[in-house]
Amino acid sequence: MADYIYLLENRLSKAQRDALDRVREIARVKGLTSFLVGGAVRDLTSGSPVRDLDVVVQGNALKLKKEIEKAGGIVSGESDATQSFFVQFPGGARMEIGATLSVIYPKPGKPVYKAATILDDLRRRDFTANAMALSLNQGSFGLLMDPLNGVADIENRELRLVSNYGFIEDPVRMVRGVRFMARLGWQMDERTRSRYETGKEEGYISAMSAAQKAYETEEIFHEEDPLRVLRRLEAEGWMKHLNPTVSSSKANVTELERLRDVQMQLQIHGIHADATAANFPLLTAKMAPKDVEALKKSFVRQAFVDDIDALEAQGKAFGAQLSGKEAAAPSQAWKLIHSARPEAVLWAAHHVKAAGTQNKLKSFYTDWPQARQRIPYTVMQEMRITPAASI
Protein backbone atom coordinates (compact mmCIF):
# COMPACT_ATOMS: atom_id res chain seq x y z
CA MET A 1 0.00 0.00 0.00
CA ALA A 2 1.34 3.40 -0.98
CA ASP A 3 2.21 5.91 1.75
CA TYR A 4 -0.19 8.67 0.76
CA ILE A 5 1.00 11.10 3.41
CA TYR A 6 4.45 10.88 1.82
CA LEU A 7 2.95 11.27 -1.67
CA LEU A 8 0.94 14.33 -0.63
CA GLU A 9 4.04 15.92 0.84
CA ASN A 10 6.38 15.08 -2.02
CA ARG A 11 4.34 14.75 -5.22
CA LEU A 12 2.31 17.94 -4.96
CA SER A 13 3.83 21.30 -5.76
CA LYS A 14 4.31 23.77 -2.93
CA ALA A 15 1.40 25.83 -4.30
CA GLN A 16 -0.82 22.74 -4.32
CA ARG A 17 0.18 21.76 -0.78
CA ASP A 18 -0.47 25.29 0.47
CA ALA A 19 -3.89 25.38 -1.24
CA LEU A 20 -4.85 21.99 0.19
CA ASP A 21 -3.78 23.05 3.69
CA ARG A 22 -5.91 26.19 3.47
CA VAL A 23 -9.00 24.27 2.40
CA ARG A 24 -8.45 21.56 5.03
CA GLU A 25 -8.27 24.19 7.76
CA ILE A 26 -11.35 26.07 6.53
CA ALA A 27 -13.36 22.84 6.39
CA ARG A 28 -12.15 21.86 9.88
CA VAL A 29 -13.18 25.21 11.35
CA LYS A 30 -16.58 24.87 9.68
CA GLY A 31 -16.97 21.37 11.15
CA LEU A 32 -16.98 19.64 7.75
CA THR A 33 -15.11 16.47 6.90
CA SER A 34 -13.06 16.83 3.71
CA PHE A 35 -11.52 14.47 1.16
CA LEU A 36 -9.22 14.64 -1.85
CA VAL A 37 -10.94 12.71 -4.63
CA GLY A 38 -10.92 11.84 -8.31
CA GLY A 39 -8.06 12.49 -10.68
CA ALA A 40 -5.63 13.78 -8.06
CA VAL A 41 -5.80 10.49 -6.12
CA ARG A 42 -5.53 8.51 -9.36
CA ASP A 43 -2.45 10.46 -10.42
CA LEU A 44 -0.79 10.21 -7.00
CA THR A 45 -1.32 6.44 -7.15
CA SER A 46 -0.16 5.97 -10.73
CA GLY A 47 2.80 8.36 -10.59
CA SER A 48 1.35 10.75 -13.19
CA PRO A 49 1.68 14.53 -12.74
CA VAL A 50 -1.06 15.96 -10.50
CA ARG A 51 -2.62 18.74 -12.57
CA ASP A 52 -5.68 19.74 -10.56
CA LEU A 53 -7.03 19.06 -7.10
CA ASP A 54 -10.62 17.91 -6.43
CA VAL A 55 -11.83 18.26 -2.85
CA VAL A 56 -15.25 17.31 -1.50
CA VAL A 57 -16.80 18.07 1.87
CA GLN A 58 -19.75 16.42 3.59
CA GLY A 59 -22.02 19.47 3.53
CA ASN A 60 -22.83 22.38 1.22
CA ALA A 61 -19.47 23.35 -0.26
CA LEU A 62 -20.80 26.67 -1.55
CA LYS A 63 -20.88 27.90 2.04
CA LEU A 64 -17.07 27.82 2.00
CA LYS A 65 -16.73 30.32 -0.85
CA LYS A 66 -16.27 33.46 1.25
CA GLU A 67 -13.66 31.87 3.47
CA ILE A 68 -11.84 30.46 0.45
CA GLU A 69 -11.71 33.92 -1.11
CA LYS A 70 -10.39 35.40 2.15
CA ALA A 71 -7.66 32.74 2.04
CA GLY A 72 -6.51 33.97 -1.37
CA GLY A 73 -8.54 31.75 -3.68
CA ILE A 74 -10.05 33.25 -6.83
CA VAL A 75 -13.43 31.67 -7.63
CA SER A 76 -13.75 31.24 -11.39
CA GLY A 77 -17.08 29.40 -11.73
CA GLU A 78 -19.66 27.42 -9.80
CA SER A 79 -22.55 24.97 -10.06
CA ASP A 80 -25.60 25.13 -7.81
CA ALA A 81 -26.71 21.65 -8.87
CA THR A 82 -23.54 19.98 -7.59
CA GLN A 83 -22.83 22.58 -4.88
CA SER A 84 -19.34 23.00 -6.32
CA PHE A 85 -17.05 25.76 -7.49
CA PHE A 86 -13.70 26.23 -9.21
CA VAL A 87 -10.85 28.06 -7.50
CA GLN A 88 -7.38 29.19 -8.45
CA PHE A 89 -4.94 29.70 -5.60
CA PRO A 90 -1.64 31.63 -5.58
CA GLY A 91 1.07 29.86 -7.52
CA GLY A 92 -1.38 28.55 -10.10
CA ALA A 93 -2.89 25.72 -8.01
CA ARG A 94 -6.28 24.84 -9.52
CA MET A 95 -8.98 23.19 -7.44
CA GLU A 96 -12.62 22.16 -7.65
CA ILE A 97 -14.41 22.11 -4.30
CA GLY A 98 -17.77 20.34 -4.07
CA ALA A 99 -20.19 18.49 -1.85
CA THR A 100 -20.38 14.72 -1.41
CA LEU A 101 -23.42 13.64 -3.41
CA SER A 102 -25.31 10.67 -4.72
CA VAL A 103 -27.05 10.81 -8.10
CA ILE A 104 -29.93 9.20 -9.98
CA TYR A 105 -30.80 9.57 -13.67
CA PRO A 106 -34.56 9.74 -14.37
CA LYS A 107 -33.51 10.35 -17.99
CA PRO A 108 -30.15 9.96 -19.74
CA GLY A 109 -28.00 13.02 -19.18
CA LYS A 110 -30.44 14.42 -16.59
CA PRO A 111 -28.84 13.86 -13.17
CA VAL A 112 -30.65 14.53 -9.90
CA TYR A 113 -28.30 15.02 -6.97
CA LYS A 114 -28.78 14.75 -3.23
CA ALA A 115 -26.46 14.99 -0.25
CA ALA A 116 -24.67 11.75 0.61
CA THR A 117 -21.69 10.19 2.36
CA ILE A 118 -18.23 10.02 0.86
CA LEU A 119 -18.66 6.34 -0.04
CA ASP A 120 -21.91 7.06 -1.89
CA ASP A 121 -20.14 9.91 -3.65
CA LEU A 122 -17.38 7.59 -4.88
CA ARG A 123 -19.91 5.10 -6.18
CA ARG A 124 -21.52 7.75 -8.43
CA ARG A 125 -18.31 8.51 -10.33
CA ASP A 126 -17.36 7.59 -13.88
CA PHE A 127 -14.45 5.12 -13.75
CA THR A 128 -13.08 3.08 -10.86
CA ALA A 129 -9.67 4.77 -11.13
CA ASN A 130 -11.44 8.05 -10.32
CA ALA A 131 -13.57 6.57 -7.53
CA MET A 132 -11.00 6.82 -4.75
CA ALA A 133 -10.57 9.33 -1.93
CA LEU A 134 -7.95 10.39 0.60
CA SER A 135 -9.05 11.68 3.99
CA LEU A 136 -7.91 15.23 4.74
CA ASN A 137 -9.19 15.06 8.32
CA GLN A 138 -7.29 15.03 11.58
CA GLY A 139 -6.82 11.53 12.91
CA SER A 140 -7.26 9.89 9.50
CA PHE A 141 -5.19 12.15 7.24
CA GLY A 142 -3.92 10.23 4.19
CA LEU A 143 -6.26 7.25 4.66
CA LEU A 144 -7.23 5.77 1.28
CA MET A 145 -10.85 4.83 0.50
CA ASP A 146 -11.10 2.57 -2.54
CA PRO A 147 -14.49 0.80 -2.45
CA LEU A 148 -14.37 -0.27 -6.11
CA ASN A 149 -10.76 -1.48 -6.25
CA GLY A 150 -9.56 1.36 -8.43
CA VAL A 151 -5.94 0.67 -7.46
CA ALA A 152 -6.05 -2.64 -9.34
CA ASP A 153 -7.30 -0.92 -12.49
CA ILE A 154 -4.59 1.74 -12.16
CA GLU A 155 -1.99 -1.02 -11.96
CA ASN A 156 -3.51 -2.53 -15.13
CA ARG A 157 -3.69 0.90 -16.79
CA GLU A 158 -7.38 0.37 -17.50
CA LEU A 159 -10.53 2.48 -17.38
CA ARG A 160 -13.45 0.47 -16.02
CA LEU A 161 -16.94 1.88 -15.61
CA VAL A 162 -18.24 2.17 -12.07
CA SER A 163 -21.76 1.36 -13.30
CA ASN A 164 -22.70 -0.95 -16.17
CA TYR A 165 -25.11 1.81 -17.27
CA GLY A 166 -22.54 4.60 -16.95
CA PHE A 167 -22.49 5.60 -20.62
CA ILE A 168 -26.29 5.48 -20.92
CA GLU A 169 -26.86 7.53 -17.78
CA ASP A 170 -24.22 10.15 -18.52
CA PRO A 171 -22.89 9.92 -22.10
CA VAL A 172 -20.28 12.63 -21.51
CA ARG A 173 -18.30 9.80 -19.90
CA MET A 174 -17.58 8.46 -23.39
CA VAL A 175 -15.85 11.73 -24.25
CA ARG A 176 -14.09 11.85 -20.91
CA GLY A 177 -12.86 8.28 -21.30
CA VAL A 178 -11.22 9.12 -24.63
CA ARG A 179 -9.61 12.20 -23.11
CA PHE A 180 -8.17 10.15 -20.25
CA MET A 181 -6.86 7.48 -22.64
CA ALA A 182 -5.17 10.13 -24.80
CA ARG A 183 -3.54 11.72 -21.76
CA LEU A 184 -2.57 8.63 -19.77
CA GLY A 185 -1.98 6.09 -22.52
CA TRP A 186 -4.46 3.68 -20.90
CA GLN A 187 -7.16 1.51 -22.46
CA MET A 188 -10.73 0.65 -21.52
CA ASP A 189 -11.25 -2.81 -20.10
CA GLU A 190 -13.06 -5.25 -22.38
CA ARG A 191 -16.58 -4.74 -20.99
CA THR A 192 -16.23 -0.96 -20.85
CA ARG A 193 -14.95 -0.90 -24.44
CA SER A 194 -17.93 -2.99 -25.57
CA ARG A 195 -20.36 -0.61 -23.86
CA TYR A 196 -18.50 2.34 -25.36
CA GLU A 197 -18.87 0.99 -28.90
CA THR A 198 -22.56 0.31 -28.29
CA GLY A 199 -22.99 3.86 -27.03
CA LYS A 200 -21.38 5.26 -30.18
CA GLU A 201 -23.56 3.14 -32.45
CA GLU A 202 -26.79 3.97 -30.63
CA GLY A 203 -26.11 7.69 -30.32
CA TYR A 204 -26.08 8.04 -26.54
CA ILE A 205 -24.17 11.30 -27.03
CA SER A 206 -27.37 13.11 -28.06
CA ALA A 207 -28.33 13.32 -24.37
CA MET A 208 -25.23 15.36 -23.49
CA SER A 209 -26.15 18.83 -22.21
CA ALA A 210 -24.84 22.14 -23.56
CA ALA A 211 -23.08 22.77 -20.23
CA GLN A 212 -21.27 19.43 -20.47
CA LYS A 213 -20.20 20.18 -24.05
CA ALA A 214 -18.74 23.52 -22.95
CA TYR A 215 -16.99 21.97 -19.94
CA GLU A 216 -15.41 19.12 -21.92
CA THR A 217 -14.28 21.52 -24.66
CA GLU A 218 -12.61 23.73 -22.06
CA GLU A 219 -10.92 20.68 -20.52
CA ILE A 220 -9.07 20.08 -23.79
CA PHE A 221 -7.28 23.41 -23.36
CA HIS A 222 -6.24 22.50 -19.80
CA GLU A 223 -4.51 19.31 -20.95
CA GLU A 224 -0.72 19.18 -20.81
CA ASP A 225 -0.67 18.11 -24.49
CA PRO A 226 -3.96 19.55 -25.78
CA LEU A 227 -3.23 18.86 -29.44
CA ARG A 228 -2.81 15.13 -28.83
CA VAL A 229 -6.09 15.02 -26.91
CA LEU A 230 -7.89 17.09 -29.55
CA ARG A 231 -6.72 14.78 -32.33
CA ARG A 232 -7.86 11.69 -30.42
CA LEU A 233 -11.30 13.20 -29.83
CA GLU A 234 -11.51 14.08 -33.52
CA ALA A 235 -10.57 10.53 -34.49
CA GLU A 236 -13.42 9.22 -32.32
CA GLY A 237 -15.86 11.72 -33.87
CA TRP A 238 -16.59 13.61 -30.64
CA MET A 239 -15.52 17.14 -31.61
CA LYS A 240 -18.48 17.58 -33.93
CA HIS A 241 -20.65 17.09 -30.82
CA LEU A 242 -18.56 19.17 -28.44
CA ASN A 243 -17.70 22.19 -30.60
CA PRO A 244 -17.27 21.80 -34.37
CA THR A 245 -15.40 25.13 -34.64
CA VAL A 246 -12.49 23.71 -32.64
CA SER A 247 -10.19 21.64 -34.84
CA SER A 248 -6.58 20.52 -34.92
CA SER A 249 -6.46 21.83 -38.51
CA LYS A 250 -6.97 25.36 -37.13
CA ALA A 251 -4.03 25.16 -34.72
CA ASN A 252 -0.56 26.57 -35.28
CA VAL A 253 1.19 23.25 -34.81
CA THR A 254 4.72 24.54 -35.41
CA GLU A 255 4.44 27.22 -32.73
CA LEU A 256 2.73 24.83 -30.28
CA GLU A 257 5.70 22.49 -30.59
CA ARG A 258 8.14 25.36 -30.16
CA LEU A 259 6.26 26.60 -27.10
CA ARG A 260 6.45 23.12 -25.61
CA ASP A 261 10.22 23.05 -26.21
CA VAL A 262 10.59 26.45 -24.49
CA GLN A 263 8.46 25.24 -21.57
CA MET A 264 10.67 22.17 -21.14
CA GLN A 265 13.83 24.30 -21.30
CA LEU A 266 12.51 26.56 -18.55
CA GLN A 267 11.47 23.56 -16.43
CA ILE A 268 15.00 22.19 -16.61
CA HIS A 269 16.18 25.43 -15.04
CA GLY A 270 13.54 25.58 -12.32
CA ILE A 271 10.83 27.73 -13.96
CA HIS A 272 7.61 25.70 -13.89
CA ALA A 273 5.12 27.55 -16.08
CA ASP A 274 1.56 26.44 -16.80
CA ALA A 275 1.28 26.67 -20.60
CA THR A 276 -2.53 26.57 -20.65
CA ALA A 277 -3.14 30.26 -21.37
CA ALA A 278 -0.20 30.46 -23.78
CA ASN A 279 -1.50 27.43 -25.69
CA PHE A 280 -4.95 28.90 -26.28
CA PRO A 281 -4.18 31.43 -29.04
CA LEU A 282 -2.01 28.86 -30.81
CA LEU A 283 -4.71 26.19 -30.69
CA THR A 284 -7.27 28.67 -32.08
CA ALA A 285 -4.89 30.48 -34.46
CA LYS A 286 -6.93 29.82 -37.63
CA MET A 287 -10.39 30.08 -36.08
CA ALA A 288 -12.67 32.98 -36.97
CA PRO A 289 -12.48 35.73 -34.30
CA LYS A 290 -16.23 35.44 -33.61
CA ASP A 291 -15.83 31.71 -32.98
CA VAL A 292 -12.92 32.33 -30.60
CA GLU A 293 -14.98 34.84 -28.62
CA ALA A 294 -17.96 32.46 -28.49
CA LEU A 295 -15.64 29.71 -27.28
CA LYS A 296 -14.31 31.89 -24.48
CA LYS A 297 -17.80 32.87 -23.36
CA SER A 298 -18.78 29.20 -23.12
CA PHE A 299 -16.03 28.33 -20.63
CA VAL A 300 -17.04 27.53 -17.07
CA ARG A 301 -13.89 29.06 -15.61
CA GLN A 302 -14.02 32.68 -16.71
CA ALA A 303 -10.85 33.35 -14.72
CA PHE A 304 -9.13 31.20 -17.36
CA VAL A 305 -10.35 33.64 -20.00
CA ASP A 306 -8.95 36.50 -17.92
CA ASP A 307 -5.57 34.73 -17.85
CA ILE A 308 -5.63 34.29 -21.63
CA ASP A 309 -6.49 37.94 -22.24
CA ALA A 310 -3.90 39.28 -19.77
CA LEU A 311 -0.94 37.06 -20.64
CA GLU A 312 0.38 38.98 -23.65
CA ALA A 313 0.62 42.25 -21.71
CA GLN A 314 2.29 40.47 -18.79
CA GLY A 315 4.78 38.77 -21.11
CA LYS A 316 5.67 42.01 -22.87
CA ALA A 317 6.14 43.81 -19.56
CA PHE A 318 8.47 41.07 -18.31
CA GLY A 319 10.42 41.13 -21.58
CA ALA A 320 10.91 44.87 -21.23
CA GLN A 321 12.10 44.45 -17.64
CA LEU A 322 14.53 41.71 -18.60
CA SER A 323 16.13 43.84 -21.31
CA GLY A 324 16.22 46.96 -19.10
CA LYS A 325 18.60 48.42 -16.55
CA GLU A 326 17.10 46.57 -13.59
CA ALA A 327 18.38 43.29 -15.08
CA ALA A 328 21.71 44.59 -16.38
CA ALA A 329 23.85 42.33 -14.17
CA PRO A 330 23.60 38.54 -14.55
CA SER A 331 22.57 38.13 -10.92
CA GLN A 332 19.82 40.76 -11.39
CA ALA A 333 18.53 38.97 -14.47
CA TRP A 334 18.57 35.65 -12.63
CA LYS A 335 16.61 37.09 -9.70
CA LEU A 336 14.08 38.75 -12.01
CA ILE A 337 13.44 35.53 -13.94
CA HIS A 338 12.91 33.57 -10.72
CA SER A 339 10.68 36.18 -9.10
CA ALA A 340 8.47 36.83 -12.14
CA ARG A 341 5.25 34.99 -12.88
CA PRO A 342 6.40 31.79 -14.67
CA GLU A 343 3.70 32.12 -17.32
CA ALA A 344 4.94 35.61 -18.22
CA VAL A 345 8.49 34.25 -18.52
CA LEU A 346 7.23 31.48 -20.82
CA TRP A 347 5.33 33.94 -23.02
CA ALA A 348 8.34 36.24 -23.34
CA ALA A 349 10.73 33.38 -24.03
CA HIS A 350 8.46 32.18 -26.82
CA HIS A 351 7.25 35.45 -28.34
CA VAL A 352 9.67 38.30 -27.63
CA LYS A 353 12.25 38.55 -30.43
CA ALA A 354 14.28 41.46 -29.00
CA ALA A 355 17.94 40.52 -28.79
CA GLY A 356 18.30 41.95 -25.29
CA THR A 357 15.59 39.69 -23.90
CA GLN A 358 16.69 36.56 -25.74
CA ASN A 359 20.36 37.08 -24.83
CA LYS A 360 19.45 37.29 -21.14
CA LEU A 361 17.42 34.10 -21.42
CA LYS A 362 20.24 32.35 -23.27
CA SER A 363 22.63 33.33 -20.48
CA PHE A 364 20.10 32.02 -17.95
CA TYR A 365 20.06 28.66 -19.74
CA THR A 366 23.83 28.36 -20.13
CA ASP A 367 25.96 30.74 -18.04
CA TRP A 368 24.18 30.34 -14.70
CA PRO A 369 24.37 26.51 -14.57
CA GLN A 370 28.07 26.69 -15.48
CA ALA A 371 28.70 29.31 -12.81
CA ARG A 372 26.85 27.24 -10.26
CA GLN A 373 29.17 24.33 -10.99
CA ARG A 374 32.30 26.47 -10.66
CA ILE A 375 31.46 28.64 -7.65
CA PRO A 376 31.14 27.07 -4.17
CA TYR A 377 27.65 27.29 -2.73
CA THR A 378 28.84 29.33 0.27
CA VAL A 379 30.30 31.93 -2.09
CA MET A 380 27.02 32.13 -4.00
CA GLN A 381 25.22 32.68 -0.70
CA GLU A 382 27.52 35.57 0.08
CA MET A 383 26.84 37.00 -3.39
CA ARG A 384 23.09 36.63 -2.72
CA ILE A 385 22.41 34.99 -6.04
CA THR A 386 21.04 31.72 -4.68
CA PRO A 387 17.39 30.60 -5.12
CA ALA A 388 16.61 31.77 -1.58
CA ALA A 389 17.63 35.32 -2.51
CA SER A 390 14.79 35.57 -5.03
CA ILE A 391 12.07 34.54 -2.61
Foldseek 3Di string as FASTA:
>chain_A
DDQQVVLLVPQDDPQQNLLLVQVLVLCVVVVWWKKWFFPQQLCSLLVHRRQATEMETQDQLLVCVVVSVVVAWDWQFADPQFSKTWTAHPPGHIYIYTYQWAWDFPAAQDIHIDGDDLQNSLLRDFWQSRSKIATCDPPRGRPIDRPPPNSVCSVVLETEGSDLCRCLRYVVSLLVVLLCCLQPVGYYPPSVVVVSVVCVVVVSLVSHDLLSLLASVLVLLQGPCSLSSQVSCVVVVNCVVSPVLQHQVQAQVVLVVVLVVLQVLVVVLPQHARCSLVRVCRSRVRGDPVSSVVSQVSHRRVVSVVCNVCQVVLLVVLLVVQLDDQNPDLLSNLLSCLQGRSSSVSCNCSPPPDPSSVVSVVCSSPVVVVVPVVDDPVVCVVVLSDSVSSD
